Amino acid sequence: MTVLYKPFGLLVSVLGGVLAGAVFKRIWQAIAGERDTPDAKDRRRGWGEILLAASLQGAVFGAVKAGVDRAGATGFARATGSWPGDDRGGEKAS
């Protein structure tokens, strides 16, 4: 079953990255009132703004990735009866 999950997991991860990017942009717009997120090489941006944006982006990506990966694993387990990566197989998802 692990072999079957790999392409599904990859697709879920890519979609999670796209979702995380969209979530971060919306949060940044709400915080800073700007459409564009700061680029670390932008001379006009200060250290605080750059580091705040990077920290927030990392937190959002980490949380969204974990949530999407967990949801994908749970959905896969419900569909197949096997938890991805669990070689014992046949265990119910929690």
N, C-alpha and C. Protein backbone atom coordinates (compact mmCIF):
# COMPACT_ATOMS: atom_id res chain seq x y z
N MET A 1 0.80 -1.20 0.00
CA MET A 1 0.00 0.00 0.00
C MET A 1 0.85 1.27 0.00
N THR A 2 2.06 1.18 0.55
CA THR A 2 2.93 2.35 0.58
C THR A 2 3.23 2.84 -0.82
N VAL A 3 3.40 1.91 -1.76
CA VAL A 3 3.68 2.28 -3.15
C VAL A 3 2.49 3.04 -3.76
N LEU A 4 1.29 2.63 -3.41
CA LEU A 4 0.10 3.32 -3.91
C LEU A 4 -0.04 4.72 -3.31
N TYR A 5 0.43 4.89 -2.07
CA TYR A 5 0.26 6.18 -1.42
C TYR A 5 1.23 7.23 -1.95
N LYS A 6 2.40 6.82 -2.42
CA LYS A 6 3.42 7.79 -2.83
C LYS A 6 2.92 8.81 -3.85
N PRO A 7 2.32 8.41 -4.96
CA PRO A 7 1.84 9.43 -5.90
C PRO A 7 0.70 10.27 -5.32
N PHE A 8 -0.17 9.63 -4.55
CA PHE A 8 -1.26 10.36 -3.89
C PHE A 8 -0.69 11.36 -2.89
N GLY A 9 0.28 10.93 -2.10
CA GLY A 9 0.91 11.82 -1.11
C GLY A 9 1.63 12.98 -1.75
N LEU A 10 2.27 12.74 -2.89
CA LEU A 10 2.96 13.81 -3.61
C LEU A 10 1.96 14.85 -4.11
N LEU A 11 0.88 14.40 -4.68
CA LEU A 11 -0.16 15.31 -5.15
C LEU A 11 -0.75 16.13 -4.00
N VAL A 12 -1.02 15.46 -2.89
CA VAL A 12 -1.56 16.15 -1.72
C VAL A 12 -0.57 17.20 -1.21
N SER A 13 0.72 16.87 -1.20
CA SER A 13 1.74 17.82 -0.74
C SER A 13 1.82 19.05 -1.65
N VAL A 14 1.76 18.84 -2.94
CA VAL A 14 1.81 19.97 -3.89
C VAL A 14 0.59 20.87 -3.69
N LEU A 15 -0.57 20.26 -3.57
CA LEU A 15 -1.79 21.05 -3.33
C LEU A 15 -1.71 21.78 -1.99
N GLY A 16 -1.10 21.14 -1.00
CA GLY A 16 -0.91 21.79 0.29
C GLY A 16 -0.01 23.01 0.19
N GLY A 17 1.03 22.92 -0.63
CA GLY A 17 1.93 24.06 -0.84
C GLY A 17 1.22 25.22 -1.50
N VAL A 18 0.38 24.92 -2.46
CA VAL A 18 -0.39 25.96 -3.14
C VAL A 18 -1.37 26.60 -2.16
N LEU A 19 -2.04 25.78 -1.37
CA LEU A 19 -2.98 26.28 -0.37
C LEU A 19 -2.26 27.14 0.67
N ALA A 20 -1.10 26.69 1.13
CA ALA A 20 -0.34 27.44 2.13
C ALA A 20 0.08 28.81 1.58
N GLY A 21 0.49 28.85 0.33
CA GLY A 21 0.86 30.13 -0.28
C GLY A 21 -0.31 31.10 -0.32
N ALA A 22 -1.48 30.59 -0.66
CA ALA A 22 -2.66 31.43 -0.72
C ALA A 22 -3.06 31.91 0.67
N VAL A 23 -2.98 31.03 1.65
CA VAL A 23 -3.32 31.40 3.03
C VAL A 23 -2.36 32.46 3.53
N PHE A 24 -1.06 32.27 3.29
CA PHE A 24 -0.07 33.25 3.73
C PHE A 24 -0.31 34.62 3.10
N LYS A 25 -0.59 34.65 1.81
CA LYS A 25 -0.84 35.93 1.13
C LYS A 25 -2.03 36.66 1.75
N ARG A 26 -3.09 35.92 2.07
CA ARG A 26 -4.27 36.55 2.68
C ARG A 26 -3.96 37.07 4.08
N ILE A 27 -3.20 36.30 4.84
CA ILE A 27 -2.83 36.75 6.18
C ILE A 27 -1.94 37.99 6.09
N TRP A 28 -0.98 37.98 5.17
CA TRP A 28 -0.10 39.13 5.02
C TRP A 28 -0.88 40.37 4.60
N GLN A 29 -1.83 40.20 3.71
CA GLN A 29 -2.66 41.34 3.29
C GLN A 29 -3.42 41.92 4.48
N ALA A 30 -3.91 41.05 5.35
CA ALA A 30 -4.66 41.52 6.52
C ALA A 30 -3.75 42.23 7.52
N ILE A 31 -2.53 41.72 7.69
CA ILE A 31 -1.60 42.30 8.65
C ILE A 31 -1.01 43.60 8.13
N ALA A 32 -0.47 43.56 6.93
CA ALA A 32 0.30 44.70 6.41
C ALA A 32 -0.51 45.62 5.51
N GLY A 33 -1.65 45.15 5.05
CA GLY A 33 -2.44 45.97 4.14
C GLY A 33 -1.80 46.10 2.76
N GLU A 34 -0.92 45.18 2.44
CA GLU A 34 -0.23 45.18 1.14
C GLU A 34 -0.55 43.90 0.39
N ARG A 35 -0.58 44.03 -0.90
CA ARG A 35 -0.87 42.86 -1.73
C ARG A 35 0.35 41.95 -1.87
N ASP A 36 1.52 42.55 -2.00
CA ASP A 36 2.74 41.76 -2.19
C ASP A 36 3.42 41.48 -0.86
N THR A 37 3.96 40.28 -0.75
CA THR A 37 4.73 39.93 0.43
C THR A 37 6.16 40.42 0.26
N PRO A 38 6.85 40.74 1.36
CA PRO A 38 8.19 41.29 1.23
C PRO A 38 9.20 40.28 0.73
N ASP A 39 10.09 40.76 -0.10
CA ASP A 39 11.21 39.96 -0.61
C ASP A 39 12.44 40.32 0.23
N ALA A 40 13.18 39.33 0.66
CA ALA A 40 14.34 39.57 1.52
C ALA A 40 15.38 40.47 0.87
N LYS A 41 15.41 40.54 -0.45
CA LYS A 41 16.40 41.37 -1.14
C LYS A 41 15.89 42.76 -1.50
N ASP A 42 14.66 43.06 -1.06
CA ASP A 42 14.10 44.38 -1.34
C ASP A 42 14.73 45.40 -0.39
N ARG A 43 15.44 46.32 -0.95
CA ARG A 43 16.18 47.33 -0.19
C ARG A 43 15.27 48.22 0.65
N ARG A 44 14.04 48.40 0.20
CA ARG A 44 13.10 49.29 0.88
C ARG A 44 12.49 48.67 2.14
N ARG A 45 12.63 47.39 2.31
CA ARG A 45 12.03 46.69 3.45
C ARG A 45 13.04 46.60 4.60
N GLY A 46 12.56 46.73 5.80
CA GLY A 46 13.42 46.64 6.98
C GLY A 46 13.57 45.20 7.45
N TRP A 47 14.56 45.01 8.33
CA TRP A 47 14.84 43.69 8.87
C TRP A 47 13.61 43.11 9.59
N GLY A 48 12.97 43.92 10.39
CA GLY A 48 11.82 43.44 11.15
C GLY A 48 10.71 42.92 10.26
N GLU A 49 10.41 43.67 9.21
CA GLU A 49 9.35 43.26 8.28
C GLU A 49 9.71 41.97 7.55
N ILE A 50 10.96 41.89 7.12
CA ILE A 50 11.42 40.69 6.40
C ILE A 50 11.36 39.46 7.31
N LEU A 51 11.87 39.61 8.54
CA LEU A 51 11.90 38.46 9.45
C LEU A 51 10.51 38.08 9.93
N LEU A 52 9.65 39.06 10.14
CA LEU A 52 8.27 38.76 10.51
C LEU A 52 7.57 37.98 9.40
N ALA A 53 7.72 38.45 8.18
CA ALA A 53 7.08 37.77 7.04
C ALA A 53 7.62 36.35 6.87
N ALA A 54 8.93 36.18 7.00
CA ALA A 54 9.52 34.85 6.85
C ALA A 54 9.06 33.91 7.95
N SER A 55 9.00 34.42 9.18
CA SER A 55 8.55 33.59 10.30
C SER A 55 7.10 33.18 10.14
N LEU A 56 6.27 34.14 9.76
CA LEU A 56 4.86 33.86 9.54
C LEU A 56 4.67 32.86 8.40
N GLN A 57 5.42 33.06 7.33
CA GLN A 57 5.31 32.16 6.19
C GLN A 57 5.71 30.74 6.59
N GLY A 58 6.78 30.61 7.35
CA GLY A 58 7.20 29.28 7.81
C GLY A 58 6.17 28.61 8.68
N ALA A 59 5.58 29.38 9.59
CA ALA A 59 4.56 28.82 10.47
C ALA A 59 3.32 28.39 9.69
N VAL A 60 2.90 29.23 8.74
CA VAL A 60 1.73 28.90 7.93
C VAL A 60 2.00 27.66 7.08
N PHE A 61 3.17 27.62 6.43
CA PHE A 61 3.48 26.46 5.59
C PHE A 61 3.56 25.18 6.42
N GLY A 62 4.18 25.27 7.59
CA GLY A 62 4.29 24.09 8.45
C GLY A 62 2.94 23.58 8.91
N ALA A 63 2.09 24.49 9.34
CA ALA A 63 0.77 24.09 9.83
C ALA A 63 -0.11 23.54 8.70
N VAL A 64 -0.12 24.22 7.56
CA VAL A 64 -0.94 23.75 6.44
C VAL A 64 -0.42 22.42 5.92
N LYS A 65 0.89 22.28 5.80
CA LYS A 65 1.47 21.01 5.32
C LYS A 65 1.12 19.86 6.25
N ALA A 66 1.26 20.08 7.56
CA ALA A 66 0.92 19.03 8.52
C ALA A 66 -0.56 18.67 8.43
N GLY A 67 -1.42 19.67 8.35
CA GLY A 67 -2.85 19.41 8.25
C GLY A 67 -3.24 18.68 6.98
N VAL A 68 -2.67 19.11 5.86
CA VAL A 68 -2.98 18.47 4.58
C VAL A 68 -2.42 17.06 4.53
N ASP A 69 -1.19 16.86 5.01
CA ASP A 69 -0.60 15.52 5.02
C ASP A 69 -1.41 14.57 5.90
N ARG A 70 -1.83 15.06 7.06
CA ARG A 70 -2.61 14.22 7.96
C ARG A 70 -3.97 13.89 7.35
N ALA A 71 -4.62 14.88 6.75
CA ALA A 71 -5.91 14.64 6.11
C ALA A 71 -5.77 13.65 4.95
N GLY A 72 -4.68 13.79 4.18
CA GLY A 72 -4.45 12.85 3.07
C GLY A 72 -4.23 11.43 3.57
N ALA A 73 -3.45 11.29 4.64
CA ALA A 73 -3.19 9.96 5.20
C ALA A 73 -4.48 9.36 5.76
N THR A 74 -5.27 10.18 6.43
CA THR A 74 -6.53 9.71 6.99
C THR A 74 -7.50 9.28 5.89
N GLY A 75 -7.61 10.10 4.84
CA GLY A 75 -8.47 9.74 3.71
C GLY A 75 -8.02 8.47 3.02
N PHE A 76 -6.71 8.34 2.84
CA PHE A 76 -6.16 7.13 2.23
C PHE A 76 -6.48 5.91 3.08
N ALA A 77 -6.32 6.05 4.39
CA ALA A 77 -6.59 4.93 5.29
C ALA A 77 -8.07 4.54 5.26
N ARG A 78 -8.94 5.53 5.20
CA ARG A 78 -10.38 5.23 5.14
C ARG A 78 -10.74 4.53 3.83
N ALA A 79 -10.08 4.94 2.74
CA ALA A 79 -10.38 4.36 1.43
C ALA A 79 -9.81 2.96 1.27
N THR A 80 -8.63 2.72 1.86
CA THR A 80 -7.95 1.45 1.64
C THR A 80 -7.92 0.53 2.85
N GLY A 81 -8.16 1.09 4.04
CA GLY A 81 -8.06 0.29 5.26
C GLY A 81 -6.64 0.14 5.75
N SER A 82 -5.70 0.84 5.12
CA SER A 82 -4.29 0.74 5.49
C SER A 82 -3.72 2.13 5.68
N TRP A 83 -3.03 2.33 6.80
CA TRP A 83 -2.38 3.62 7.07
C TRP A 83 -1.12 3.71 6.23
N PRO A 84 -0.89 4.82 5.51
CA PRO A 84 0.31 4.95 4.67
C PRO A 84 1.60 4.82 5.49
N GLY A 85 2.47 3.98 5.01
CA GLY A 85 3.76 3.79 5.68
C GLY A 85 3.73 2.79 6.80
N ASP A 86 2.55 2.29 7.13
CA ASP A 86 2.43 1.30 8.20
C ASP A 86 2.49 -0.08 7.55
N ASP A 87 3.60 -0.75 7.73
CA ASP A 87 3.80 -2.05 7.09
C ASP A 87 2.93 -3.15 7.68
N ARG A 88 2.36 -2.89 8.86
CA ARG A 88 1.48 -3.90 9.46
C ARG A 88 0.18 -3.99 8.71
N GLY A 89 -0.30 -2.86 8.18
CA GLY A 89 -1.52 -2.83 7.38
C GLY A 89 -2.76 -3.21 8.17
N GLY A 90 -3.89 -2.86 7.61
CA GLY A 90 -5.15 -3.27 8.16
C GLY A 90 -5.59 -2.55 9.42
N GLU A 91 -4.85 -1.57 9.90
CA GLU A 91 -5.24 -0.87 11.11
C GLU A 91 -6.14 0.30 10.76
N LYS A 92 -7.07 0.58 11.62
CA LYS A 92 -8.00 1.67 11.39
C LYS A 92 -7.34 3.01 11.67
N ALA A 93 -7.73 4.01 10.91
CA ALA A 93 -7.23 5.36 11.12
C ALA A 93 -7.95 5.99 12.30
N SER A 94 -7.24 6.82 13.02
CA SER A 94 -7.87 7.50 14.16
C SER A 94 -8.21 8.92 13.81
